[in-house]
């Protein structure tokens, strides 16, 4: 994935060699809350975030904006053979924890309750 990002004509915004920036949106519409995910989060991440969202009707939109591969929790990363492919096509084992931390921060900051 590092090579793809480095050679991409899309000129991704990187913080340093091991970190990049992406766009995540939190949208409040009436009693609904929508969180965009810049990739495909595994179900445990999605269910956790939906529980933490503050809308009556919470929605996750995956594969949005930059859509950087799979997003796994640190404990799922390379945990068994079935996850080899998703680990190889993700940004790294810390992507899930970083995304969860930042998403929870957004939910707290921009929720009506």
Protein backbone atom coordinates (compact mmCIF):
# COMPACT_ATOMS: atom_id res chain seq x y z
CA UNK A 1 0.00 0.00 0.00
CA UNK A 2 2.88 2.40 0.69
CA UNK A 3 4.10 1.99 -2.88
CA UNK A 4 0.62 2.59 -4.29
CA UNK A 5 0.24 5.77 -2.25
CA UNK A 6 3.72 6.98 -3.12
CA UNK A 7 3.37 6.41 -6.87
CA UNK A 8 -0.30 7.37 -7.20
CA UNK A 9 -1.10 10.26 -9.56
CA UNK A 10 -3.73 11.31 -6.98
CA UNK A 11 -0.97 12.84 -4.82
CA UNK A 12 -2.26 11.72 -1.44
CA UNK A 13 -1.53 14.04 1.46
CA UNK A 14 0.98 12.35 3.73
CA UNK A 15 2.01 13.44 7.20
CA UNK A 16 5.28 11.49 7.00
CA UNK A 17 6.51 8.23 5.51
CA UNK A 18 4.20 6.13 7.69
CA UNK A 19 1.14 8.38 8.05
CA UNK A 20 -1.32 9.92 5.63
CA UNK A 21 -4.35 12.15 5.81
CA UNK A 22 -7.81 11.24 4.62
CA UNK A 23 -11.30 12.70 4.72
CA UNK A 24 -13.92 11.48 7.16
CA UNK A 25 -17.37 13.04 7.43
CA UNK A 26 -19.90 13.05 10.23
CA UNK A 27 -23.29 14.30 9.06
CA UNK A 28 -26.23 15.05 11.36
CA UNK A 29 -29.60 15.21 9.60
CA UNK A 30 -32.59 15.43 11.91
CA UNK A 31 -32.37 12.41 14.20
CA UNK A 32 -29.98 10.56 11.89
CA UNK A 33 -26.22 10.49 12.03
CA UNK A 34 -23.97 9.37 9.17
CA UNK A 35 -20.26 8.54 9.49
CA UNK A 36 -18.15 7.97 6.38
CA UNK A 37 -15.37 5.40 6.45
CA UNK A 38 -12.35 5.81 4.12
CA UNK A 39 -12.13 2.11 3.37
CA UNK A 40 -13.89 -1.10 4.29
CA UNK A 41 -14.05 -1.52 8.05
CA UNK A 42 -14.52 -5.00 9.44
CA UNK A 43 -17.92 -5.54 11.10
CA UNK A 44 -16.66 -5.29 14.69
CA UNK A 45 -15.46 -1.72 14.04
CA UNK A 46 -18.75 -0.76 12.41
CA UNK A 47 -20.94 -2.20 15.15
CA UNK A 48 -18.82 -0.52 17.82
CA UNK A 49 -19.01 2.90 16.15
CA UNK A 50 -22.76 2.62 15.52
CA UNK A 51 -23.27 1.95 19.24
CA UNK A 52 -21.28 5.10 20.06
CA UNK A 53 -23.08 7.36 17.58
CA UNK A 54 -25.77 9.60 19.02
CA UNK A 55 -28.46 9.60 16.34
CA UNK A 56 -31.68 7.62 16.52
CA UNK A 57 -30.86 6.25 13.08
CA UNK A 58 -27.12 5.71 12.68
CA UNK A 59 -25.61 4.95 9.29
CA UNK A 60 -22.08 4.06 8.17
CA UNK A 61 -21.04 4.73 4.59
CA UNK A 62 -17.98 2.63 3.78
CA UNK A 63 -15.53 2.88 0.90
CA UNK A 64 -15.98 6.65 0.77
CA UNK A 65 -13.59 9.46 -0.07
CA UNK A 66 -10.13 7.92 -0.38
CA UNK A 67 -11.24 4.30 0.23
CA UNK A 68 -7.93 2.95 1.55
CA UNK A 69 -8.47 -0.82 1.64
CA UNK A 70 -9.60 -2.80 4.65
CA UNK A 71 -9.63 -1.40 8.17
CA UNK A 72 -8.99 -3.93 10.92
CA UNK A 73 -8.50 -3.69 14.64
CA UNK A 74 -5.00 -4.25 15.90
CA UNK A 75 -5.91 -7.67 17.34
CA UNK A 76 -7.38 -8.81 14.00
CA UNK A 77 -4.32 -7.79 11.94
CA UNK A 78 -2.62 -10.96 10.59
CA UNK A 79 -4.40 -12.94 13.29
CA UNK A 80 -5.17 -16.01 11.19
CA UNK A 81 -4.99 -17.25 7.62
CA UNK A 82 -8.49 -16.03 6.67
CA UNK A 83 -7.34 -12.44 7.36
CA UNK A 84 -4.15 -12.64 5.28
CA UNK A 85 -5.73 -10.89 2.29
CA UNK A 86 -7.44 -8.13 4.28
CA UNK A 87 -4.24 -7.52 6.23
CA UNK A 88 -2.21 -7.30 3.01
CA UNK A 89 -4.63 -4.79 1.48
CA UNK A 90 -4.97 -2.55 4.52
CA UNK A 91 -2.81 0.38 5.59
CA UNK A 92 -1.47 -1.27 8.73
CA UNK A 93 -2.40 -2.73 12.07
CA UNK A 94 -2.86 0.68 13.69
CA UNK A 95 -5.36 1.94 11.09
CA UNK A 96 -8.36 0.57 12.99
CA UNK A 97 -7.40 2.01 16.39
CA UNK A 98 -6.52 5.38 14.85
CA UNK A 99 -9.77 5.53 12.88
CA UNK A 100 -11.85 4.52 15.91
CA UNK A 101 -10.15 7.15 18.10
CA UNK A 102 -10.68 9.92 15.56
CA UNK A 103 -14.26 8.88 14.77
CA UNK A 104 -15.19 8.86 18.48
CA UNK A 105 -13.64 12.31 18.83
CA UNK A 106 -15.75 13.60 15.94
CA UNK A 107 -18.90 12.00 17.33
CA UNK A 108 -18.30 13.62 20.72
CA UNK A 109 -17.48 17.03 19.28
CA UNK A 110 -20.20 17.29 16.65
CA UNK A 111 -23.17 15.52 18.20
CA UNK A 112 -26.19 17.45 19.40
CA UNK A 113 -26.37 15.53 22.68
